[in-house]
Amino acid sequence: MPLVRIDVNEGRSAEELQRLSRGIHEAILAEYGIPERDYFHILTEHPRGRIYAQDAGLGFERTPGVVMIQIFTQGGRSQEAKQRLFAAVADNLAGAGVAGEDVFIGYVENTAGDWSFGFGKAQYVTGELAVPGK
């Protein structure tokens, strides 16, 4: 169950924002095999000049169309699986008009006990939800 935060500069239409979110979700579905309804995205638009995203010394320029993505998920997936996910996200967002240099992904892992889906319970710990991959 990934939780995805998507940060963009203002200026995209509602349809474009939906395409970004769906493109990311479809990549996660395809690469990680999670259920369709494990869809938890927070999309935040920022006034221009509030997102700083340089190239980390890689020698390319980002545009104001940059999409900053944070994926919070349980640990345990291989580096190869993560690389496939990153590529799938970039491919899907290219289909939504986002240039490869404008796709920035931060990946954060945690454990089953770090999630509560409501009612103040850790449902993976209580057994109300099956721990993915177990």
Protein backbone atom coordinates (compact mmCIF):
# COMPACT_ATOMS: atom_id res chain seq x y z
CA MET A 1 0.00 0.00 0.00
CA PRO A 2 2.00 2.92 -1.15
CA LEU A 3 1.10 6.44 -0.12
CA VAL A 4 2.08 8.80 -2.92
CA ARG A 5 2.62 12.53 -2.60
CA ILE A 6 2.76 14.47 -5.86
CA ASP A 7 3.92 18.09 -5.90
CA VAL A 8 3.64 20.27 -9.01
CA ASN A 9 3.65 23.92 -9.96
CA GLU A 10 0.25 25.49 -10.60
CA GLY A 11 -1.05 25.63 -14.14
CA ARG A 12 -2.21 22.15 -15.07
CA SER A 13 -5.85 21.36 -15.73
CA ALA A 14 -7.82 18.96 -13.53
CA GLU A 15 -7.60 16.38 -16.32
CA GLU A 16 -3.82 16.73 -16.55
CA LEU A 17 -3.49 16.31 -12.79
CA GLN A 18 -5.67 13.20 -12.93
CA ARG A 19 -3.46 11.77 -15.72
CA LEU A 20 -0.38 12.30 -13.54
CA SER A 21 -1.93 10.54 -10.58
CA ARG A 22 -3.32 7.67 -12.67
CA GLY A 23 -0.04 7.26 -14.53
CA ILE A 24 1.83 6.83 -11.28
CA HIS A 25 -0.82 4.50 -9.85
CA GLU A 26 -0.90 2.36 -12.98
CA ALA A 27 2.88 1.97 -12.81
CA ILE A 28 2.63 0.83 -9.18
CA LEU A 29 -0.20 -1.58 -10.07
CA ALA A 30 1.79 -3.09 -12.92
CA GLU A 31 5.12 -3.36 -11.15
CA TYR A 32 4.04 -4.25 -7.61
CA GLY A 33 0.76 -6.08 -8.22
CA ILE A 34 -1.13 -4.19 -5.52
CA PRO A 35 -4.95 -4.05 -5.55
CA GLU A 36 -6.53 -1.25 -7.61
CA ARG A 37 -8.15 0.23 -4.49
CA ASP A 38 -4.78 0.68 -2.79
CA TYR A 39 -4.93 4.16 -4.26
CA PHE A 40 -3.73 6.81 -1.81
CA HIS A 41 -2.43 9.95 -3.52
CA ILE A 42 -2.04 13.50 -2.26
CA LEU A 43 -1.60 15.97 -5.08
CA THR A 44 -0.46 19.47 -4.14
CA GLU A 45 -0.10 22.43 -6.46
CA HIS A 46 2.34 25.18 -5.53
CA PRO A 47 2.68 28.74 -6.78
CA ARG A 48 5.54 29.08 -9.27
CA GLY A 49 8.83 29.57 -7.52
CA ARG A 50 7.97 27.31 -4.57
CA ILE A 51 9.49 24.11 -5.96
CA TYR A 52 13.26 24.02 -6.31
CA ALA A 53 14.42 21.03 -8.32
CA GLN A 54 17.87 21.22 -9.80
CA ASP A 55 19.78 18.40 -11.47
CA ALA A 56 22.00 17.20 -8.56
CA GLY A 57 24.98 17.77 -10.86
CA LEU A 58 23.76 15.49 -13.66
CA GLY A 59 23.94 18.21 -16.30
CA PHE A 60 20.36 18.79 -17.38
CA GLU A 61 17.76 21.47 -16.77
CA ARG A 62 14.32 20.92 -15.34
CA THR A 63 11.34 22.93 -16.49
CA PRO A 64 8.46 24.45 -14.51
CA GLY A 65 6.64 21.22 -15.46
CA VAL A 66 8.63 19.24 -12.88
CA VAL A 67 6.70 16.54 -11.00
CA MET A 68 8.08 15.75 -7.54
CA ILE A 69 6.92 12.32 -6.35
CA GLN A 70 7.34 10.75 -2.93
CA ILE A 71 6.42 7.09 -2.61
CA PHE A 72 6.02 5.80 0.95
CA THR A 73 5.75 2.02 1.11
CA GLN A 74 6.74 -1.05 3.07
CA GLY A 75 10.30 -2.22 2.69
CA GLY A 76 11.36 -5.48 1.16
CA ARG A 77 11.28 -4.91 -2.58
CA SER A 78 14.45 -5.48 -4.55
CA GLN A 79 16.46 -2.69 -6.10
CA GLU A 80 15.55 -4.16 -9.49
CA ALA A 81 11.83 -3.89 -8.68
CA LYS A 82 12.30 -0.27 -7.64
CA GLN A 83 14.20 0.48 -10.85
CA ARG A 84 11.39 -1.06 -12.90
CA LEU A 85 8.88 1.07 -10.99
CA PHE A 86 10.88 4.26 -11.60
CA ALA A 87 11.07 3.48 -15.32
CA ALA A 88 7.34 2.66 -15.51
CA VAL A 89 6.44 5.92 -13.76
CA ALA A 90 8.65 7.91 -16.17
CA ASP A 91 7.17 6.08 -19.18
CA ASN A 92 3.59 6.66 -18.02
CA LEU A 93 4.22 10.32 -17.28
CA ALA A 94 5.87 10.76 -20.69
CA GLY A 95 2.52 9.68 -22.10
CA ALA A 96 0.97 12.49 -20.06
CA GLY A 97 3.40 15.03 -21.52
CA VAL A 98 6.02 15.14 -18.76
CA ALA A 99 9.63 15.16 -19.93
CA GLY A 100 11.96 12.59 -18.38
CA GLU A 101 14.12 15.25 -16.76
CA ASP A 102 11.02 16.57 -14.98
CA VAL A 103 10.24 13.28 -13.17
CA PHE A 104 11.79 13.27 -9.69
CA ILE A 105 11.05 10.33 -7.38
CA GLY A 106 11.91 9.92 -3.71
CA TYR A 107 11.25 6.43 -2.35
CA VAL A 108 10.76 5.93 1.41
CA GLU A 109 10.43 2.50 3.01
CA ASN A 110 8.93 1.60 6.35
CA THR A 111 7.41 -1.43 8.11
CA ALA A 112 3.94 -2.93 8.48
CA GLY A 113 3.61 -1.40 11.95
CA ASP A 114 4.01 2.11 10.54
CA TRP A 115 0.52 2.23 8.95
CA SER A 116 -2.95 2.99 10.28
CA PHE A 117 -5.83 2.97 7.80
CA GLY A 118 -8.35 4.35 10.28
CA PHE A 119 -9.84 4.01 13.73
CA GLY A 120 -6.42 4.43 15.35
CA LYS A 121 -5.44 0.82 14.60
CA ALA A 122 -2.38 -0.61 12.90
CA GLN A 123 -4.38 -3.02 10.72
CA TYR A 124 -1.34 -4.91 9.43
CA VAL A 125 -0.33 -5.57 13.05
CA THR A 126 -3.84 -6.49 14.25
CA GLY A 127 -4.29 -8.86 11.29
CA GLU A 128 -7.25 -6.96 9.82
CA LEU A 129 -5.14 -6.56 6.66
CA ALA A 130 -2.70 -9.07 5.26
CA VAL A 131 0.86 -7.80 5.10
CA PRO A 132 1.80 -7.55 1.41
CA GLY A 133 4.31 -10.15 0.32
CA LYS A 134 3.73 -12.37 3.37
